[in-house]
Amino acid sequence: MRTVNCLMLNKELGGLDRPTYPGELGKKIFENISKEAWALWVKHMTMLINENRLTPMEPKARTFLEEEMEKFLFGRGSELPKEFKPK
């Protein structure tokens, strides 16, 4: 099992088995994000898609999700929709 120094969780953890996103951003994720952090992003992304009623096939939705993914994994974090109420 490969390990990475996960930039999101700030510790050494198991890395992804394969790139999960295309291009340079995908390479950056593969090299710097753990399986655990990626799973957190997938859960957060699902909430964003549902709460914002996004259609991931639409270019505008994909752009929004990519921006939120970068913020979530490498930046200050992705904000929750204003109407979101956790259970």
C-alpha atoms as a PDB file:
ATOM      1  CA  MET A   1       0.000   0.000   0.000  1.00  0.00           C
ATOM      2  CA  ARG A   2       1.344   3.396  -0.936  1.00  0.00           C
ATOM      3  CA  THR A   3       1.206   6.246   1.538  1.00  0.00           C
ATOM      4  CA  VAL A   4       1.042   9.994   1.078  1.00  0.00           C
ATOM      5  CA  ASN A   5       1.536  12.952   3.325  1.00  0.00           C
ATOM      6  CA  CYS A   6      -2.117  14.020   3.070  1.00  0.00           C
ATOM      7  CA  LEU A   7      -2.292  17.788   2.675  1.00  0.00           C
ATOM      8  CA  MET A   8      -5.922  17.921   3.752  1.00  0.00           C
ATOM      9  CA  LEU A   9      -5.638  15.849   6.933  1.00  0.00           C
ATOM     10  CA  ASN A  10      -2.013  16.816   7.577  1.00  0.00           C
ATOM     11  CA  LYS A  11      -0.708  13.312   8.281  1.00  0.00           C
ATOM     12  CA  GLU A  12       0.774  10.253   6.603  1.00  0.00           C
ATOM     13  CA  LEU A  13      -2.052   8.007   5.379  1.00  0.00           C
ATOM     14  CA  GLY A  14      -2.840   5.419   2.740  1.00  0.00           C
ATOM     15  CA  GLY A  15      -2.842   6.907  -0.743  1.00  0.00           C
ATOM     16  CA  LEU A  16      -5.327   6.407  -3.521  1.00  0.00           C
ATOM     17  CA  ASP A  17      -4.937   3.251  -5.608  1.00  0.00           C
ATOM     18  CA  ARG A  18      -5.235   5.155  -8.875  1.00  0.00           C
ATOM     19  CA  PRO A  19      -5.857   8.705 -10.065  1.00  0.00           C
ATOM     20  CA  THR A  20      -9.473   9.664  -9.444  1.00  0.00           C
ATOM     21  CA  TYR A  21      -9.595  12.844 -11.524  1.00  0.00           C
ATOM     22  CA  PRO A  22      -8.069  13.792 -14.889  1.00  0.00           C
ATOM     23  CA  GLY A  23      -5.354  16.293 -15.700  1.00  0.00           C
ATOM     24  CA  GLU A  24      -2.948  18.199 -13.482  1.00  0.00           C
ATOM     25  CA  LEU A  25      -5.492  18.480 -10.670  1.00  0.00           C
ATOM     26  CA  GLY A  26      -5.910  14.703 -10.744  1.00  0.00           C
ATOM     27  CA  LYS A  27      -2.138  14.250 -10.521  1.00  0.00           C
ATOM     28  CA  LYS A  28      -1.985  16.656  -7.569  1.00  0.00           C
ATOM     29  CA  ILE A  29      -4.798  14.767  -5.813  1.00  0.00           C
ATOM     30  CA  PHE A  30      -3.176  11.380  -6.448  1.00  0.00           C
ATOM     31  CA  GLU A  31       0.175  12.560  -5.072  1.00  0.00           C
ATOM     32  CA  ASN A  32      -1.107  14.522  -2.055  1.00  0.00           C
ATOM     33  CA  ILE A  33      -4.524  13.282  -0.920  1.00  0.00           C
ATOM     34  CA  SER A  34      -5.280  10.138   1.084  1.00  0.00           C
ATOM     35  CA  LYS A  35      -8.089   7.636   0.571  1.00  0.00           C
ATOM     36  CA  GLU A  36      -9.651   8.933   3.784  1.00  0.00           C
ATOM     37  CA  ALA A  37      -9.653  12.554   2.593  1.00  0.00           C
ATOM     38  CA  TRP A  38     -10.985  11.527  -0.829  1.00  0.00           C
ATOM     39  CA  ALA A  39     -13.856   9.655   0.841  1.00  0.00           C
ATOM     40  CA  LEU A  40     -14.689  12.811   2.819  1.00  0.00           C
ATOM     41  CA  TRP A  41     -14.737  14.788  -0.431  1.00  0.00           C
ATOM     42  CA  VAL A  42     -17.033  12.257  -2.154  1.00  0.00           C
ATOM     43  CA  LYS A  43     -19.485  12.525   0.745  1.00  0.00           C
ATOM     44  CA  HIS A  44     -19.313  16.337   0.656  1.00  0.00           C
ATOM     45  CA  MET A  45     -19.646  16.406  -3.151  1.00  0.00           C
ATOM     46  CA  THR A  46     -22.757  14.207  -2.964  1.00  0.00           C
ATOM     47  CA  MET A  47     -24.295  16.636  -0.491  1.00  0.00           C
ATOM     48  CA  LEU A  48     -23.433  19.594  -2.779  1.00  0.00           C
ATOM     49  CA  ILE A  49     -24.993  17.857  -5.783  1.00  0.00           C
ATOM     50  CA  ASN A  50     -28.168  17.025  -3.868  1.00  0.00           C
ATOM     51  CA  GLU A  51     -28.602  20.299  -1.996  1.00  0.00           C
ATOM     52  CA  ASN A  52     -27.858  22.459  -5.046  1.00  0.00           C
ATOM     53  CA  ARG A  53     -29.802  20.156  -7.384  1.00  0.00           C
ATOM     54  CA  LEU A  54     -26.829  19.930  -9.725  1.00  0.00           C
ATOM     55  CA  THR A  55     -26.577  17.869 -12.871  1.00  0.00           C
ATOM     56  CA  PRO A  56     -22.902  16.840 -12.986  1.00  0.00           C
ATOM     57  CA  MET A  57     -23.023  16.488 -16.786  1.00  0.00           C
ATOM     58  CA  GLU A  58     -23.587  20.237 -17.167  1.00  0.00           C
ATOM     59  CA  PRO A  59     -20.372  22.250 -17.666  1.00  0.00           C
ATOM     60  CA  LYS A  60     -21.433  24.899 -15.134  1.00  0.00           C
ATOM     61  CA  ALA A  61     -22.028  22.228 -12.463  1.00  0.00           C
ATOM     62  CA  ARG A  62     -18.697  20.525 -13.240  1.00  0.00           C
ATOM     63  CA  THR A  63     -16.862  23.844 -12.934  1.00  0.00           C
ATOM     64  CA  PHE A  64     -18.553  24.543  -9.600  1.00  0.00           C
ATOM     65  CA  LEU A  65     -17.728  21.072  -8.257  1.00  0.00           C
ATOM     66  CA  GLU A  66     -14.097  21.285  -9.388  1.00  0.00           C
ATOM     67  CA  GLU A  67     -13.694  24.655  -7.633  1.00  0.00           C
ATOM     68  CA  GLU A  68     -15.282  23.267  -4.477  1.00  0.00           C
ATOM     69  CA  MET A  69     -13.095  20.155  -4.670  1.00  0.00           C
ATOM     70  CA  GLU A  70      -9.931  22.278  -4.791  1.00  0.00           C
ATOM     71  CA  LYS A  71     -11.126  24.353  -1.832  1.00  0.00           C
ATOM     72  CA  PHE A  72     -12.143  21.249   0.130  1.00  0.00           C
ATOM     73  CA  LEU A  73      -8.957  19.263  -0.462  1.00  0.00           C
ATOM     74  CA  PHE A  74      -6.295  21.987  -0.671  1.00  0.00           C
ATOM     75  CA  GLY A  75      -7.741  25.240   0.588  1.00  0.00           C
ATOM     76  CA  ARG A  76      -9.880  26.709   3.268  1.00  0.00           C
ATOM     77  CA  GLY A  77     -12.660  24.157   2.830  1.00  0.00           C
ATOM     78  CA  SER A  78     -15.867  24.078   0.873  1.00  0.00           C
ATOM     79  CA  GLU A  79     -18.825  25.941   2.299  1.00  0.00           C
ATOM     80  CA  LEU A  80     -22.132  24.249   3.002  1.00  0.00           C
ATOM     81  CA  PRO A  81     -25.192  25.501   1.128  1.00  0.00           C
ATOM     82  CA  LYS A  82     -27.110  28.057   3.209  1.00  0.00           C
ATOM     83  CA  GLU A  83     -30.227  25.891   3.297  1.00  0.00           C
ATOM     84  CA  PHE A  84     -28.349  22.739   4.385  1.00  0.00           C
ATOM     85  CA  LYS A  85     -29.330  21.370   7.763  1.00  0.00           C
ATOM     86  CA  PRO A  86     -27.276  18.358   8.896  1.00  0.00           C
ATOM     87  CA  LYS A  87     -29.206  15.455  10.379  1.00  0.00           C
END
